Amino acid sequence: MATRKEGSTNMLNEKCITEGCDLTYAVCKVGGRWKLLILCKLEEGKLRFGEIRKLIPGVTERMLTLQLRELEKDGLVKRTVYAEVPPRVDYELTDVAQELIPIWSQLSKWGTKHREMMK
């Protein structure tokens, strides 16, 4: 993924939106097609990259890598690299991300209820 220029319209718009509203800031941190799903899979504990990929059919290696990097950068996922051969890397939720568990659980319940209503 290419880095965006600091003064680009895209960066300025994101800054304006996320600085003005705490809800929008939070949604930007967990929004996207895969981030919440990745976080939910890590709720049970540490997982390796391959394990996460198996749990989320449809996500490409590249997209999973990008999403994990963003989640790590935003302080929601902790990446631990072990000095072994072959190298081993684990991913787990940070304390900050664990605070979100009741929120995404409630959102999931709402999704189930709403999906049933729409049938």
Protein backbone atom coordinates (compact mmCIF):
# COMPACT_ATOMS: atom_id res chain seq x y z
CA MET A 1 0.00 0.00 0.00
CA ALA A 2 1.44 3.35 -1.00
CA THR A 3 1.95 5.98 1.64
CA ARG A 4 -0.19 9.04 1.29
CA LYS A 5 1.27 12.51 1.11
CA GLU A 6 0.79 14.47 4.32
CA GLY A 7 -0.89 17.35 2.48
CA SER A 8 -3.06 15.26 0.16
CA THR A 9 -6.79 15.92 0.05
CA ASN A 10 -7.40 12.39 1.29
CA MET A 11 -5.19 12.92 4.36
CA LEU A 12 -6.68 16.34 5.08
CA ASN A 13 -10.23 14.99 4.84
CA GLU A 14 -9.43 12.07 7.15
CA LYS A 15 -7.77 14.40 9.65
CA CYS A 16 -10.76 16.76 9.59
CA ILE A 17 -13.26 13.96 10.08
CA THR A 18 -11.41 12.06 12.79
CA GLU A 19 -10.42 15.12 14.80
CA GLY A 20 -13.95 16.46 14.87
CA CYS A 21 -15.84 13.38 16.03
CA ASP A 22 -14.79 10.68 18.48
CA LEU A 23 -17.24 8.17 16.98
CA THR A 24 -15.82 8.66 13.50
CA TYR A 25 -12.30 8.32 14.89
CA ALA A 26 -13.23 4.98 16.49
CA VAL A 27 -14.95 3.69 13.35
CA CYS A 28 -11.91 4.62 11.25
CA LYS A 29 -9.70 2.52 13.52
CA VAL A 30 -11.81 -0.65 13.22
CA GLY A 31 -13.56 0.04 9.93
CA GLY A 32 -12.96 -1.74 6.69
CA ARG A 33 -13.83 -5.15 5.38
CA TRP A 34 -11.45 -7.24 7.50
CA LYS A 35 -10.37 -5.39 10.66
CA LEU A 36 -13.30 -6.27 12.92
CA LEU A 37 -13.21 -9.86 11.73
CA ILE A 38 -9.48 -10.08 12.50
CA LEU A 39 -10.04 -8.58 15.96
CA CYS A 40 -12.89 -11.02 16.65
CA LYS A 41 -10.72 -13.99 15.70
CA LEU A 42 -8.00 -12.78 18.08
CA GLU A 43 -10.51 -12.54 20.94
CA GLU A 44 -9.77 -16.16 21.96
CA GLY A 45 -6.02 -15.56 22.23
CA LYS A 46 -2.77 -15.46 20.27
CA LEU A 47 -2.79 -16.62 16.66
CA ARG A 48 -0.18 -16.95 13.98
CA PHE A 49 -0.59 -15.38 10.56
CA GLY A 50 -1.49 -18.68 8.89
CA GLU A 51 -4.07 -19.47 11.56
CA ILE A 52 -5.75 -16.11 11.08
CA ARG A 53 -5.79 -16.62 7.32
CA LYS A 54 -7.45 -20.03 7.68
CA LEU A 55 -10.11 -18.56 9.97
CA ILE A 56 -10.97 -15.82 7.47
CA PRO A 57 -11.66 -17.36 4.06
CA GLY A 58 -11.50 -14.84 1.26
CA VAL A 59 -8.84 -12.56 2.68
CA THR A 60 -5.67 -12.45 0.63
CA GLU A 61 -2.24 -12.65 2.24
CA ARG A 62 -1.49 -9.11 1.12
CA MET A 63 -4.70 -7.68 2.55
CA LEU A 64 -4.30 -9.58 5.82
CA THR A 65 -0.74 -8.25 6.12
CA LEU A 66 -1.88 -4.68 5.45
CA GLN A 67 -4.77 -4.88 7.90
CA LEU A 68 -2.60 -6.42 10.63
CA ARG A 69 -0.02 -3.66 10.14
CA GLU A 70 -2.69 -0.97 10.47
CA LEU A 71 -4.15 -2.62 13.57
CA GLU A 72 -0.66 -2.83 15.06
CA LYS A 73 0.08 0.81 14.19
CA ASP A 74 -3.19 1.86 15.83
CA GLY A 75 -2.34 -0.05 19.01
CA LEU A 76 -5.08 -2.66 18.70
CA VAL A 77 -2.92 -5.69 17.88
CA LYS A 78 0.39 -6.71 19.40
CA ARG A 79 2.85 -8.51 17.13
CA THR A 80 5.46 -10.69 18.81
CA VAL A 81 8.41 -12.02 16.81
CA TYR A 82 10.28 -14.96 18.31
CA ALA A 83 13.98 -15.42 17.56
CA GLU A 84 13.63 -18.94 16.24
CA VAL A 85 14.39 -20.78 13.05
CA PRO A 86 12.05 -20.76 11.26
CA PRO A 87 10.83 -17.40 12.56
CA ARG A 88 7.55 -17.42 14.47
CA VAL A 89 5.23 -14.44 14.78
CA ASP A 90 2.15 -14.25 17.02
CA TYR A 91 -0.63 -11.70 16.98
CA GLU A 92 -2.84 -10.86 19.94
CA LEU A 93 -5.24 -8.16 21.11
CA THR A 94 -3.86 -5.31 23.16
CA ASP A 95 -5.60 -4.14 26.32
CA VAL A 96 -7.08 -1.28 24.31
CA ALA A 97 -8.61 -3.70 21.81
CA GLN A 98 -9.96 -5.91 24.60
CA GLU A 99 -12.06 -2.94 25.73
CA LEU A 100 -13.85 -3.23 22.37
CA ILE A 101 -15.00 -6.85 22.87
CA PRO A 102 -18.37 -5.95 24.46
CA ILE A 103 -18.95 -3.38 21.71
CA TRP A 104 -18.39 -5.75 18.81
CA SER A 105 -20.36 -8.47 20.63
CA GLN A 106 -23.32 -6.12 20.91
CA LEU A 107 -22.87 -5.06 17.28
CA SER A 108 -22.91 -8.74 16.27
CA LYS A 109 -26.15 -9.30 18.19
CA TRP A 110 -27.67 -6.30 16.45
CA GLY A 111 -26.53 -7.68 13.08
CA THR A 112 -28.17 -11.04 13.77
CA LYS A 113 -31.42 -9.38 14.82
CA HIS A 114 -31.44 -6.95 11.90
CA ARG A 115 -30.62 -9.67 9.35
CA GLU A 116 -33.57 -11.73 10.63
CA MET A 117 -35.89 -8.71 10.40
CA MET A 118 -34.87 -8.11 6.79
CA LYS A 119 -35.76 -11.64 5.62
